[in-house]
Amino acid sequence: MPPVPVTLNTGINLEGGLAGVSAQMLTQRYAAAGCARRDDFRDLFDHVAIQLEFLGALVERAAGGDADAAAMAREFVDGFVRHWIDPLHDACLRASARSDAARLYASLVDLTHAAIARIF
């Protein structure tokens, strides 16, 4: 978690709250891809970490020749990640004014953005 308040649950950025429509849609996407949240993961389905782990699993399957996974990954990026990545980056930059450590999170978002641009 960033050292200053930056929400990593994307429903806050997308809808202004938790457990809304986007979280339900994410749950459906995960299930459609045959993925389930690990028992040791204690956050909500819209957490950035679980979304990126899911995307990574889809990209790995796509690299193995799974065309459905490739399509799901592209749809996931376009339907979710592209909507929260810039607001998250902006929030991290604002937080970095109060904490140097928050710059790390902005850099991680930059890295995510670059990876997505390269793959998609």
PDB file of N, CA and C in Angstrom:
ATOM      1  N   MET A   1       0.846  -1.170   0.000  1.00  0.00           N
ATOM      2  CA  MET A   1       0.000   0.000   0.000  1.00  0.00           C
ATOM      3  C   MET A   1       0.894   1.237   0.000  1.00  0.00           C
ATOM      4  N   PRO A   2       0.578   2.232  -0.826  1.00  0.00           N
ATOM      5  CA  PRO A   2       1.383   3.453  -0.812  1.00  0.00           C
ATOM      6  C   PRO A   2       1.424   4.072   0.590  1.00  0.00           C
ATOM      7  N   PRO A   3       2.483   4.806   0.880  1.00  0.00           N
ATOM      8  CA  PRO A   3       2.660   5.377   2.218  1.00  0.00           C
ATOM      9  C   PRO A   3       1.702   6.524   2.517  1.00  0.00           C
ATOM     10  N   VAL A   4       0.995   7.005   1.535  1.00  0.00           N
ATOM     11  CA  VAL A   4      -0.017   8.050   1.712  1.00  0.00           C
ATOM     12  C   VAL A   4      -1.269   7.584   0.983  1.00  0.00           C
ATOM     13  N   PRO A   5      -2.411   8.156   1.300  1.00  0.00           N
ATOM     14  CA  PRO A   5      -3.664   7.643   0.720  1.00  0.00           C
ATOM     15  C   PRO A   5      -3.728   7.693  -0.813  1.00  0.00           C
ATOM     16  N   VAL A   6      -3.664   6.525  -1.400  1.00  0.00           N
ATOM     17  CA  VAL A   6      -3.904   6.311  -2.832  1.00  0.00           C
ATOM     18  C   VAL A   6      -4.649   4.986  -2.901  1.00  0.00           C
ATOM     19  N   THR A   7      -5.846   5.021  -3.411  1.00  0.00           N
ATOM     20  CA  THR A   7      -6.608   3.781  -3.448  1.00  0.00           C
ATOM     21  C   THR A   7      -6.106   2.864  -4.549  1.00  0.00           C
ATOM     22  N   LEU A   8      -5.936   1.616  -4.204  1.00  0.00           N
ATOM     23  CA  LEU A   8      -5.537   0.603  -5.167  1.00  0.00           C
ATOM     24  C   LEU A   8      -6.721  -0.262  -5.575  1.00  0.00           C
ATOM     25  N   ASN A   9      -7.896   0.078  -5.072  1.00  0.00           N
ATOM     26  CA  ASN A   9      -9.136  -0.555  -5.506  1.00  0.00           C
ATOM     27  C   ASN A   9      -9.745   0.343  -6.570  1.00  0.00           C
ATOM     28  N   THR A  10      -9.764  -0.156  -7.794  1.00  0.00           N
ATOM     29  CA  THR A  10     -10.100   0.692  -8.933  1.00  0.00           C
ATOM     30  C   THR A  10     -11.553   1.106  -8.992  1.00  0.00           C
ATOM     31  N   GLY A  11     -12.427   0.430  -8.298  1.00  0.00           N
ATOM     32  CA  GLY A  11     -13.828   0.841  -8.255  1.00  0.00           C
ATOM     33  C   GLY A  11     -13.988   2.241  -7.695  1.00  0.00           C
ATOM     34  N   ILE A  12     -13.095   2.638  -6.792  1.00  0.00           N
ATOM     35  CA  ILE A  12     -13.124   3.994  -6.240  1.00  0.00           C
ATOM     36  C   ILE A  12     -12.913   4.995  -7.366  1.00  0.00           C
ATOM     37  N   ASN A  13     -11.922   4.736  -8.234  1.00  0.00           N
ATOM     38  CA  ASN A  13     -11.643   5.653  -9.339  1.00  0.00           C
ATOM     39  C   ASN A  13     -12.706   5.581 -10.425  1.00  0.00           C
ATOM     40  N   LEU A  14     -13.215   4.385 -10.691  1.00  0.00           N
ATOM     41  CA  LEU A  14     -14.155   4.211 -11.794  1.00  0.00           C
ATOM     42  C   LEU A  14     -15.583   4.598 -11.425  1.00  0.00           C
ATOM     43  N   GLU A  15     -15.978   4.301 -10.176  1.00  0.00           N
ATOM     44  CA  GLU A  15     -17.370   4.490  -9.781  1.00  0.00           C
ATOM     45  C   GLU A  15     -17.557   5.307  -8.511  1.00  0.00           C
ATOM     46  N   GLY A  16     -16.480   5.573  -7.824  1.00  0.00           N
ATOM     47  CA  GLY A  16     -16.593   6.316  -6.574  1.00  0.00           C
ATOM     48  C   GLY A  16     -16.920   5.459  -5.371  1.00  0.00           C
ATOM     49  N   GLY A  17     -16.860   4.147  -5.505  1.00  0.00           N
ATOM     50  CA  GLY A  17     -17.166   3.275  -4.382  1.00  0.00           C
ATOM     51  C   GLY A  17     -16.636   1.872  -4.596  1.00  0.00           C
ATOM     52  N   LEU A  18     -16.848   1.038  -3.585  1.00  0.00           N
ATOM     53  CA  LEU A  18     -16.388  -0.350  -3.625  1.00  0.00           C
ATOM     54  C   LEU A  18     -17.550  -1.286  -3.932  1.00  0.00           C
ATOM     55  N   ALA A  19     -17.228  -2.438  -4.473  1.00  0.00           N
ATOM     56  CA  ALA A  19     -18.195  -3.512  -4.714  1.00  0.00           C
ATOM     57  C   ALA A  19     -19.345  -3.079  -5.614  1.00  0.00           C
ATOM     58  N   GLY A  20     -19.033  -2.245  -6.586  1.00  0.00           N
ATOM     59  CA  GLY A  20     -20.045  -1.777  -7.523  1.00  0.00           C
ATOM     60  C   GLY A  20     -20.089  -2.628  -8.775  1.00  0.00           C
ATOM     61  N   VAL A  21     -20.599  -2.047  -9.827  1.00  0.00           N
ATOM     62  CA  VAL A  21     -20.763  -2.745 -11.096  1.00  0.00           C
ATOM     63  C   VAL A  21     -19.419  -3.231 -11.639  1.00  0.00           C
ATOM     64  N   SER A  22     -18.393  -2.397 -11.557  1.00  0.00           N
ATOM     65  CA  SER A  22     -17.096  -2.815 -12.111  1.00  0.00           C
ATOM     66  C   SER A  22     -16.549  -4.032 -11.367  1.00  0.00           C
ATOM     67  N   ALA A  23     -16.721  -4.095 -10.062  1.00  0.00           N
ATOM     68  CA  ALA A  23     -16.253  -5.258  -9.303  1.00  0.00           C
ATOM     69  C   ALA A  23     -17.022  -6.512  -9.714  1.00  0.00           C
ATOM     70  N   GLN A  24     -18.306  -6.372  -9.954  1.00  0.00           N
ATOM     71  CA  GLN A  24     -19.101  -7.506 -10.407  1.00  0.00           C
ATOM     72  C   GLN A  24     -18.663  -7.952 -11.799  1.00  0.00           C
ATOM     73  N   MET A  25     -18.378  -6.988 -12.663  1.00  0.00           N
ATOM     74  CA  MET A  25     -17.908  -7.320 -14.008  1.00  0.00           C
ATOM     75  C   MET A  25     -16.553  -8.017 -13.964  1.00  0.00           C
ATOM     76  N   LEU A  26     -15.683  -7.559 -13.073  1.00  0.00           N
ATOM     77  CA  LEU A  26     -14.377  -8.208 -12.914  1.00  0.00           C
ATOM     78  C   LEU A  26     -14.540  -9.658 -12.473  1.00  0.00           C
ATOM     79  N   THR A  27     -15.409  -9.875 -11.514  1.00  0.00           N
ATOM     80  CA  THR A  27     -15.674 -11.223 -11.028  1.00  0.00           C
ATOM     81  C   THR A  27     -16.113 -12.125 -12.171  1.00  0.00           C
ATOM     82  N   GLN A  28     -16.973 -11.605 -13.020  1.00  0.00           N
ATOM     83  CA  GLN A  28     -17.444 -12.378 -14.171  1.00  0.00           C
ATOM     84  C   GLN A  28     -16.309 -12.670 -15.153  1.00  0.00           C
ATOM     85  N   ARG A  29     -15.455 -11.673 -15.384  1.00  0.00           N
ATOM     86  CA  ARG A  29     -14.322 -11.876 -16.298  1.00  0.00           C
ATOM     87  C   ARG A  29     -13.373 -12.936 -15.757  1.00  0.00           C
ATOM     88  N   TYR A  30     -13.085 -12.865 -14.467  1.00  0.00           N
ATOM     89  CA  TYR A  30     -12.187 -13.849 -13.876  1.00  0.00           C
ATOM     90  C   TYR A  30     -12.774 -15.255 -14.028  1.00  0.00           C
ATOM     91  N   ALA A  31     -14.049 -15.391 -13.726  1.00  0.00           N
ATOM     92  CA  ALA A  31     -14.698 -16.707 -13.816  1.00  0.00           C
ATOM     93  C   ALA A  31     -14.719 -17.209 -15.257  1.00  0.00           C
ATOM     94  N   ALA A  32     -15.009 -16.338 -16.213  1.00  0.00           N
ATOM     95  CA  ALA A  32     -15.063 -16.730 -17.626  1.00  0.00           C
ATOM     96  C   ALA A  32     -13.710 -17.245 -18.111  1.00  0.00           C
ATOM     97  N   ALA A  33     -12.643 -16.731 -17.525  1.00  0.00           N
ATOM     98  CA  ALA A  33     -11.293 -17.158 -17.907  1.00  0.00           C
ATOM     99  C   ALA A  33     -10.826 -18.364 -17.092  1.00  0.00           C
ATOM    100  N   GLY A  34     -11.678 -18.827 -16.171  1.00  0.00           N
ATOM    101  CA  GLY A  34     -11.313 -19.972 -15.349  1.00  0.00           C
ATOM    102  C   GLY A  34     -10.376 -19.629 -14.209  1.00  0.00           C
ATOM    103  N   CYS A  35     -10.375 -18.366 -13.803  1.00  0.00           N
ATOM    104  CA  CYS A  35      -9.502 -17.920 -12.713  1.00  0.00           C
ATOM    105  C   CYS A  35     -10.323 -17.645 -11.459  1.00  0.00           C
ATOM    106  N   ALA A  36      -9.731 -17.904 -10.337  1.00  0.00           N
ATOM    107  CA  ALA A  36     -10.374 -17.632  -9.051  1.00  0.00           C
ATOM    108  C   ALA A  36      -9.369 -16.950  -8.138  1.00  0.00           C
ATOM    109  N   ARG A  37      -9.870 -16.149  -7.228  1.00  0.00           N
ATOM    110  CA  ARG A  37      -8.999 -15.472  -6.265  1.00  0.00           C
ATOM    111  C   ARG A  37      -8.414 -16.505  -5.311  1.00  0.00           C
ATOM    112  N   ARG A  38      -7.121 -16.382  -5.060  1.00  0.00           N
ATOM    113  CA  ARG A  38      -6.468 -17.276  -4.112  1.00  0.00           C
ATOM    114  C   ARG A  38      -7.030 -17.033  -2.709  1.00  0.00           C
ATOM    115  N   ASP A  39      -7.051 -18.078  -1.916  1.00  0.00           N
ATOM    116  CA  ASP A  39      -7.568 -17.974  -0.551  1.00  0.00           C
ATOM    117  C   ASP A  39      -6.769 -17.005   0.311  1.00  0.00           C
ATOM    118  N   ASP A  40      -5.473 -16.838   0.001  1.00  0.00           N
ATOM    119  CA  ASP A  40      -4.633 -15.973   0.824  1.00  0.00           C
ATOM    120  C   ASP A  40      -4.685 -14.505   0.387  1.00  0.00           C
ATOM    121  N   PHE A  41      -5.448 -14.206  -0.663  1.00  0.00           N
ATOM    122  CA  PHE A  41      -5.583 -12.813  -1.101  1.00  0.00           C
ATOM    123  C   PHE A  41      -6.746 -12.199  -0.344  1.00  0.00           C
ATOM    124  N   ARG A  42      -6.477 -11.150   0.407  1.00  0.00           N
ATOM    125  CA  ARG A  42      -7.471 -10.602   1.328  1.00  0.00           C
ATOM    126  C   ARG A  42      -8.057  -9.264   0.894  1.00  0.00           C
ATOM    127  N   ASP A  43      -8.025  -8.983  -0.381  1.00  0.00           N
ATOM    128  CA  ASP A  43      -8.589  -7.714  -0.830  1.00  0.00           C
ATOM    129  C   ASP A  43      -9.763  -7.981  -1.762  1.00  0.00           C
ATOM    130  N   LEU A  44     -10.294  -6.924  -2.329  1.00  0.00           N
ATOM    131  CA  LEU A  44     -11.446  -7.020  -3.211  1.00  0.00           C
ATOM    132  C   LEU A  44     -11.011  -7.340  -4.636  1.00  0.00           C
ATOM    133  N   PHE A  45     -11.945  -7.801  -5.444  1.00  0.00           N
ATOM    134  CA  PHE A  45     -11.647  -8.209  -6.816  1.00  0.00           C
ATOM    135  C   PHE A  45     -11.171  -7.069  -7.703  1.00  0.00           C
ATOM    136  N   ASP A  46     -11.408  -5.831  -7.292  1.00  0.00           N
ATOM    137  CA  ASP A  46     -10.993  -4.707  -8.134  1.00  0.00           C
ATOM    138  C   ASP A  46      -9.624  -4.148  -7.748  1.00  0.00           C
ATOM    139  N   HIS A  47      -8.912  -4.819  -6.859  1.00  0.00           N
ATOM    140  CA  HIS A  47      -7.583  -4.372  -6.456  1.00  0.00           C
ATOM    141  C   HIS A  47      -6.630  -4.462  -7.646  1.00  0.00           C
ATOM    142  N   VAL A  48      -5.786  -3.465  -7.801  1.00  0.00           N
ATOM    143  CA  VAL A  48      -4.836  -3.415  -8.909  1.00  0.00           C
ATOM    144  C   VAL A  48      -4.001  -4.698  -8.977  1.00  0.00           C
ATOM    145  N   ALA A  49      -3.561  -5.200  -7.853  1.00  0.00           N
ATOM    146  CA  ALA A  49      -2.693  -6.391  -7.849  1.00  0.00           C
ATOM    147  C   ALA A  49      -3.391  -7.599  -8.458  1.00  0.00           C
ATOM    148  N   ILE A  50      -4.627  -7.827  -8.113  1.00  0.00           N
ATOM    149  CA  ILE A  50      -5.316  -9.000  -8.648  1.00  0.00           C
ATOM    150  C   ILE A  50      -5.616  -8.808 -10.136  1.00  0.00           C
ATOM    151  N   GLN A  51      -5.908  -7.575 -10.546  1.00  0.00           N
ATOM    152  CA  GLN A  51      -6.150  -7.333 -11.963  1.00  0.00           C
ATOM    153  C   GLN A  51      -4.890  -7.571 -12.785  1.00  0.00           C
ATOM    154  N   LEU A  52      -3.754  -7.118 -12.294  1.00  0.00           N
ATOM    155  CA  LEU A  52      -2.512  -7.310 -13.038  1.00  0.00           C
ATOM    156  C   LEU A  52      -2.068  -8.775 -13.023  1.00  0.00           C
ATOM    157  N   GLU A  53      -2.322  -9.460 -11.938  1.00  0.00           N
ATOM    158  CA  GLU A  53      -2.019 -10.892 -11.898  1.00  0.00           C
ATOM    159  C   GLU A  53      -2.893 -11.631 -12.914  1.00  0.00           C
ATOM    160  N   PHE A  54      -4.155 -11.283 -12.979  1.00  0.00           N
ATOM    161  CA  PHE A  54      -5.071 -11.881 -13.949  1.00  0.00           C
ATOM    162  C   PHE A  54      -4.604 -11.603 -15.376  1.00  0.00           C
ATOM    163  N   LEU A  55      -4.269 -10.348 -15.645  1.00  0.00           N
ATOM    164  CA  LEU A  55      -3.794  -9.981 -16.970  1.00  0.00           C
ATOM    165  C   LEU A  55      -2.525 -10.760 -17.324  1.00  0.00           C
ATOM    166  N   GLY A  56      -1.618 -10.882 -16.369  1.00  0.00           N
ATOM    167  CA  GLY A  56      -0.397 -11.653 -16.592  1.00  0.00           C
ATOM    168  C   GLY A  56      -0.692 -13.103 -16.934  1.00  0.00           C
ATOM    169  N   ALA A  57      -1.669 -13.699 -16.259  1.00  0.00           N
ATOM    170  CA  ALA A  57      -2.042 -15.085 -16.552  1.00  0.00           C
ATOM    171  C   ALA A  57      -2.602 -15.200 -17.969  1.00  0.00           C
ATOM    172  N   LEU A  58      -3.422 -14.224 -18.378  1.00  0.00           N
ATOM    173  CA  LEU A  58      -3.972 -14.248 -19.733  1.00  0.00           C
ATOM    174  C   LEU A  58      -2.867 -14.097 -20.778  1.00  0.00           C
ATOM    175  N   VAL A  59      -1.945 -13.182 -20.538  1.00  0.00           N
ATOM    176  CA  VAL A  59      -0.845 -12.964 -21.484  1.00  0.00           C
ATOM    177  C   VAL A  59       0.029 -14.205 -21.580  1.00  0.00           C
ATOM    178  N   GLU A  60       0.265 -14.856 -20.461  1.00  0.00           N
ATOM    179  CA  GLU A  60       1.060 -16.087 -20.468  1.00  0.00           C
ATOM    180  C   GLU A  60       0.352 -17.172 -21.282  1.00  0.00           C
ATOM    181  N   ARG A  61      -0.953 -17.316 -21.084  1.00  0.00           N
ATOM    182  CA  ARG A  61      -1.716 -18.299 -21.863  1.00  0.00           C
ATOM    183  C   ARG A  61      -1.698 -17.936 -23.344  1.00  0.00           C
ATOM    184  N   ALA A  62      -1.829 -16.650 -23.644  1.00  0.00           N
ATOM    185  CA  ALA A  62      -1.807 -16.197 -25.042  1.00  0.00           C
ATOM    186  C   ALA A  62      -0.463 -16.506 -25.689  1.00  0.00           C
ATOM    187  N   ALA A  63       0.623 -16.326 -24.944  1.00  0.00           N
ATOM    188  CA  ALA A  63       1.961 -16.619 -25.470  1.00  0.00           C
ATOM    189  C   ALA A  63       2.125 -18.101 -25.783  1.00  0.00           C
ATOM    190  N   GLY A  64       1.337 -18.935 -25.114  1.00  0.00           N
ATOM    191  CA  GLY A  64       1.360 -20.365 -25.378  1.00  0.00           C
ATOM    192  C   GLY A  64       0.452 -20.777 -26.524  1.00  0.00           C
ATOM    193  N   GLY A  65      -0.161 -19.780 -27.184  1.00  0.00           N
ATOM    194  CA  GLY A  65      -0.985 -20.073 -28.348  1.00  0.00           C
ATOM    195  C   GLY A  65      -2.486 -20.045 -28.116  1.00  0.00           C
ATOM    196  N   ASP A  66      -2.919 -19.664 -26.933  1.00  0.00           N
ATOM    197  CA  ASP A  66      -4.349 -19.622 -26.625  1.00  0.00           C
ATOM    198  C   ASP A  66      -4.955 -18.329 -27.179  1.00  0.00           C
ATOM    199  N   ALA A  67      -5.619 -18.428 -28.316  1.00  0.00           N
ATOM    200  CA  ALA A  67      -6.196 -17.250 -28.975  1.00  0.00           C
ATOM    201  C   ALA A  67      -7.317 -16.627 -28.144  1.00  0.00           C
ATOM    202  N   ASP A  68      -8.077 -17.457 -27.433  1.00  0.00           N
ATOM    203  CA  ASP A  68      -9.144 -16.917 -26.582  1.00  0.00           C
ATOM    204  C   ASP A  68      -8.556 -16.066 -25.459  1.00  0.00           C
ATOM    205  N   ALA A  69      -7.449 -16.519 -24.883  1.00  0.00           N
ATOM    206  CA  ALA A  69      -6.801 -15.752 -23.815  1.00  0.00           C
ATOM    207  C   ALA A  69      -6.275 -14.430 -24.347  1.00  0.00           C
ATOM    208  N   ALA A  70      -5.747 -14.440 -25.568  1.00  0.00           N
ATOM    209  CA  ALA A  70      -5.254 -13.196 -26.171  1.00  0.00           C
ATOM    210  C   ALA A  70      -6.399 -12.201 -26.339  1.00  0.00           C
ATOM    211  N   ALA A  71      -7.531 -12.678 -26.813  1.00  0.00           N
ATOM    212  CA  ALA A  71      -8.696 -11.804 -26.985  1.00  0.00           C
ATOM    213  C   ALA A  71      -9.209 -11.297 -25.635  1.00  0.00           C
ATOM    214  N   MET A  72      -9.247 -12.186 -24.645  1.00  0.00           N
ATOM    215  CA  MET A  72      -9.692 -11.775 -23.308  1.00  0.00           C
ATOM    216  C   MET A  72      -8.748 -10.738 -22.710  1.00  0.00           C
ATOM    217  N   ALA A  73      -7.452 -10.908 -22.924  1.00  0.00           N
ATOM    218  CA  ALA A  73      -6.469  -9.955 -22.389  1.00  0.00           C
ATOM    219  C   ALA A  73      -6.677  -8.577 -23.013  1.00  0.00           C
ATOM    220  N   ARG A  74      -6.842  -8.531 -24.311  1.00  0.00           N
ATOM    221  CA  ARG A  74      -7.050  -7.246 -24.999  1.00  0.00           C
ATOM    222  C   ARG A  74      -8.344  -6.587 -24.513  1.00  0.00           C
ATOM    223  N   GLU A  75      -9.388  -7.380 -24.403  1.00  0.00           N
ATOM    224  CA  GLU A  75     -10.671  -6.863 -23.922  1.00  0.00           C
ATOM    225  C   GLU A  75     -10.556  -6.359 -22.485  1.00  0.00           C
ATOM    226  N   PHE A  76      -9.805  -7.080 -21.677  1.00  0.00           N
ATOM    227  CA  PHE A  76      -9.623  -6.684 -20.277  1.00  0.00           C
ATOM    228  C   PHE A  76      -8.881  -5.351 -20.180  1.00  0.00           C
ATOM    229  N   VAL A  77      -7.823  -5.221 -20.953  1.00  0.00           N
ATOM    230  CA  VAL A  77      -7.061  -3.964 -20.952  1.00  0.00           C
ATOM    231  C   VAL A  77      -7.951  -2.811 -21.399  1.00  0.00           C
ATOM    232  N   ASP A  78      -8.664  -3.024 -22.509  1.00  0.00           N
ATOM    233  CA  ASP A  78      -9.511  -1.950 -23.039  1.00  0.00           C
ATOM    234  C   ASP A  78     -10.700  -1.639 -22.135  1.00  0.00           C
ATOM    235  N   GLY A  79     -11.257  -2.655 -21.494  1.00  0.00           N
ATOM    236  CA  GLY A  79     -12.447  -2.462 -20.677  1.00  0.00           C
ATOM    237  C   GLY A  79     -12.187  -2.011 -19.254  1.00  0.00           C
ATOM    238  N   PHE A  80     -10.984  -2.265 -18.749  1.00  0.00           N
ATOM    239  CA  PHE A  80     -10.699  -1.946 -17.353  1.00  0.00           C
ATOM    240  C   PHE A  80      -9.418  -1.135 -17.175  1.00  0.00           C
ATOM    241  N   VAL A  81      -8.296  -1.739 -17.518  1.00  0.00           N
ATOM    242  CA  VAL A  81      -7.002  -1.139 -17.183  1.00  0.00           C
ATOM    243  C   VAL A  81      -6.852   0.258 -17.767  1.00  0.00           C
ATOM    244  N   ARG A  82      -7.235   0.435 -19.012  1.00  0.00           N
ATOM    245  CA  ARG A  82      -7.092   1.762 -19.628  1.00  0.00           C
ATOM    246  C   ARG A  82      -7.946   2.828 -18.932  1.00  0.00           C
ATOM    247  N   HIS A  83      -8.942   2.402 -18.190  1.00  0.00           N
ATOM    248  CA  HIS A  83      -9.810   3.358 -17.492  1.00  0.00           C
ATOM    249  C   HIS A  83      -9.253   3.796 -16.137  1.00  0.00           C
ATOM    250  N   TRP A  84      -8.463   2.941 -15.514  1.00  0.00           N
ATOM    251  CA  TRP A  84      -7.959   3.325 -14.186  1.00  0.00           C
ATOM    252  C   TRP A  84      -6.480   3.678 -14.155  1.00  0.00           C
ATOM    253  N   ILE A  85      -5.725   3.363 -15.190  1.00  0.00           N
ATOM    254  CA  ILE A  85      -4.277   3.539 -15.102  1.00  0.00           C
ATOM    255  C   ILE A  85      -3.867   5.008 -14.981  1.00  0.00           C
ATOM    256  N   ASP A  86      -4.466   5.898 -15.760  1.00  0.00           N
ATOM    257  CA  ASP A  86      -4.082   7.317 -15.669  1.00  0.00           C
ATOM    258  C   ASP A  86      -4.548   7.959 -14.359  1.00  0.00           C
ATOM    259  N   PRO A  87      -5.801   7.712 -13.918  1.00  0.00           N
ATOM    260  CA  PRO A  87      -6.178   8.265 -12.605  1.00  0.00           C
ATOM    261  C   PRO A  87      -5.307   7.755 -11.462  1.00  0.00           C
ATOM    262  N   LEU A  88      -4.906   6.480 -11.525  1.00  0.00           N
ATOM    263  CA  LEU A  88      -4.018   5.942 -10.484  1.00  0.00           C
ATOM    264  C   LEU A  88      -2.660   6.626 -10.542  1.00  0.00           C
ATOM    265  N   HIS A  89      -2.130   6.808 -11.736  1.00  0.00           N
ATOM    266  CA  HIS A  89      -0.842   7.486 -11.888  1.00  0.00           C
ATOM    267  C   HIS A  89      -0.915   8.904 -11.328  1.00  0.00           C
ATOM    268  N   ASP A  90      -1.969   9.628 -11.678  1.00  0.00           N
ATOM    269  CA  ASP A  90      -2.138  10.998 -11.179  1.00  0.00           C
ATOM    270  C   ASP A  90      -2.231  11.037  -9.659  1.00  0.00           C
ATOM    271  N   ALA A  91      -2.949  10.088  -9.079  1.00  0.00           N
ATOM    272  CA  ALA A  91      -3.076  10.030  -7.615  1.00  0.00           C
ATOM    273  C   ALA A  91      -1.716   9.763  -6.973  1.00  0.00           C
ATOM    274  N   CYS A  92      -0.931   8.878  -7.577  1.00  0.00           N
ATOM    275  CA  CYS A  92       0.404   8.592  -7.042  1.00  0.00           C
ATOM    276  C   CYS A  92       1.312   9.816  -7.134  1.00  0.00           C
ATOM    277  N   LEU A  93       1.221  10.549  -8.231  1.00  0.00           N
ATOM    278  CA  LEU A  93       2.033  11.763  -8.361  1.00  0.00           C
ATOM    279  C   LEU A  93       1.622  12.806  -7.327  1.00  0.00           C
ATOM    280  N   ARG A  94       0.329  12.973  -7.122  1.00  0.00           N
ATOM    281  CA  ARG A  94      -0.129  13.924  -6.087  1.00  0.00           C
ATOM    282  C   ARG A  94       0.367  13.497  -4.713  1.00  0.00           C
ATOM    283  N   ALA A  95       0.319  12.202  -4.445  1.00  0.00           N
ATOM    284  CA  ALA A  95       0.774  11.684  -3.154  1.00  0.00           C
ATOM    285  C   ALA A  95       2.276  11.861  -2.986  1.00  0.00           C
ATOM    286  N   SER A  96       3.015  11.852  -4.084  1.00  0.00           N
ATOM    287  CA  SER A  96       4.469  11.984  -3.975  1.00  0.00           C
ATOM    288  C   SER A  96       4.881  13.362  -3.481  1.00  0.00           C
ATOM    289  N   ALA A  97       3.985  14.332  -3.572  1.00  0.00           N
ATOM    290  CA  ALA A  97       4.272  15.650  -3.011  1.00  0.00           C
ATOM    291  C   ALA A  97       4.347  15.584  -1.488  1.00  0.00           C
ATOM    292  N   ARG A  98       3.694  14.588  -0.899  1.00  0.00           N
ATOM    293  CA  ARG A  98       3.691  14.430   0.559  1.00  0.00           C
ATOM    294  C   ARG A  98       4.652  13.351   1.034  1.00  0.00           C
ATOM    295  N   SER A  99       5.081  12.488   0.103  1.00  0.00           N
ATOM    296  CA  SER A  99       5.946  11.384   0.503  1.00  0.00           C
ATOM    297  C   SER A  99       6.797  10.958  -0.687  1.00  0.00           C
ATOM    298  N   ASP A 100       8.105  11.014  -0.516  1.00  0.00           N
ATOM    299  CA  ASP A 100       9.010  10.572  -1.580  1.00  0.00           C
ATOM    300  C   ASP A 100       8.766   9.114  -1.950  1.00  0.00           C
ATOM    301  N   ALA A 101       8.386   8.303  -0.968  1.00  0.00           N
ATOM    302  CA  ALA A 101       8.167   6.884  -1.227  1.00  0.00           C
ATOM    303  C   ALA A 101       7.025   6.662  -2.214  1.00  0.00           C
ATOM    304  N   ALA A 102       6.078   7.574  -2.300  1.00  0.00           N
ATOM    305  CA  ALA A 102       4.953   7.420  -3.226  1.00  0.00           C
ATOM    306  C   ALA A 102       5.411   7.483  -4.678  1.00  0.00           C
ATOM    307  N   ARG A 103       6.571   8.061  -4.928  1.00  0.00           N
ATOM    308  CA  ARG A 103       7.091   8.097  -6.302  1.00  0.00           C
ATOM    309  C   ARG A 103       7.328   6.683  -6.834  1.00  0.00           C
ATOM    310  N   LEU A 104       7.666   5.772  -5.954  1.00  0.00           N
ATOM    311  CA  LEU A 104       7.843   4.384  -6.371  1.00  0.00           C
ATOM    312  C   LEU A 104       6.557   3.856  -6.998  1.00  0.00           C
ATOM    313  N   TYR A 105       5.424   4.166  -6.384  1.00  0.00           N
ATOM    314  CA  TYR A 105       4.152   3.689  -6.915  1.00  0.00           C
ATOM    315  C   TYR A 105       3.840   4.328  -8.261  1.00  0.00           C
ATOM    316  N   ALA A 106       4.156   5.590  -8.427  1.00  0.00           N
ATOM    317  CA  ALA A 106       3.981   6.246  -9.728  1.00  0.00           C
ATOM    318  C   ALA A 106       4.863   5.568 -10.766  1.00  0.00           C
ATOM    319  N   SER A 107       6.074   5.195 -10.373  1.00  0.00           N
ATOM    320  CA  SER A 107       6.979   4.498 -11.291  1.00  0.00           C
ATOM    321  C   SER A 107       6.445   3.117 -11.656  1.00  0.00           C
ATOM    322  N   LEU A 108       5.833   2.429 -10.702  1.00  0.00           N
ATOM    323  CA  LEU A 108       5.245   1.119 -10.995  1.00  0.00           C
ATOM    324  C   LEU A 108       4.083   1.254 -11.983  1.00  0.00           C
ATOM    325  N   VAL A 109       3.316   2.318 -11.841  1.00  0.00           N
ATOM    326  CA  VAL A 109       2.231   2.561 -12.792  1.00  0.00           C
ATOM    327  C   VAL A 109       2.823   2.876 -14.165  1.00  0.00           C
ATOM    328  N   ASP A 110       3.909   3.658 -14.195  1.00  0.00           N
ATOM    329  CA  ASP A 110       4.588   3.936 -15.469  1.00  0.00           C
ATOM    330  C   ASP A 110       5.044   2.636 -16.134  1.00  0.00           C
ATOM    331  N   LEU A 111       5.606   1.749 -15.351  1.00  0.00           N
ATOM    332  CA  LEU A 111       6.070   0.467 -15.860  1.00  0.00           C
ATOM    333  C   LEU A 111       4.897  -0.349 -16.418  1.00  0.00           C
ATOM    334  N   THR A 112       3.801  -0.359 -15.696  1.00  0.00           N
ATOM    335  CA  THR A 112       2.599  -1.060 -16.160  1.00  0.00           C
ATOM    336  C   THR A 112       2.110  -0.466 -17.471  1.00  0.00           C
ATOM    337  N   HIS A 113       2.077   0.842 -17.528  1.00  0.00           N
ATOM    338  CA  HIS A 113       1.625   1.536 -18.752  1.00  0.00           C
ATOM    339  C   HIS A 113       2.527   1.169 -19.927  1.00  0.00           C
ATOM    340  N   ALA A 114       3.833   1.158 -19.724  1.00  0.00           N
ATOM    341  CA  ALA A 114       4.776   0.819 -20.786  1.00  0.00           C
ATOM    342  C   ALA A 114       4.606  -0.630 -21.235  1.00  0.00           C
ATOM    343  N   ALA A 115       4.405  -1.536 -20.299  1.00  0.00           N
ATOM    344  CA  ALA A 115       4.217  -2.947 -20.647  1.00  0.00           C
ATOM    345  C   ALA A 115       2.951  -3.134 -21.475  1.00  0.00           C
ATOM    346  N   ILE A 116       1.895  -2.463 -21.074  1.00  0.00           N
ATOM    347  CA  ILE A 116       0.633  -2.580 -21.810  1.00  0.00           C
ATOM    348  C   ILE A 116       0.774  -1.991 -23.205  1.00  0.00           C
ATOM    349  N   ALA A 117       1.443  -0.855 -23.306  1.00  0.00           N
ATOM    350  CA  ALA A 117       1.646  -0.239 -24.623  1.00  0.00           C
ATOM    351  C   ALA A 117       2.462  -1.154 -25.527  1.00  0.00           C
ATOM    352  N   ARG A 118       3.424  -1.841 -24.957  1.00  0.00           N
ATOM    353  CA  ARG A 118       4.279  -2.722 -25.761  1.00  0.00           C
ATOM    354  C   ARG A 118       3.526  -3.974 -26.204  1.00  0.00           C
ATOM    355  N   ILE A 119       2.691  -4.508 -25.347  1.00  0.00           N
ATOM    356  CA  ILE A 119       1.988  -5.768 -25.636  1.00  0.00           C
ATOM    357  C   ILE A 119       0.717  -5.526 -26.459  1.00  0.00           C
ATOM    358  N   PHE A 120       0.025  -4.437 -26.128  1.00  0.00           N
ATOM    359  CA  PHE A 120      -1.271  -4.188 -26.769  1.00  0.00           C
ATOM    360  C   PHE A 120      -1.200  -2.965 -27.650  1.00  0.00           C
TER     361      PHE A 120
END
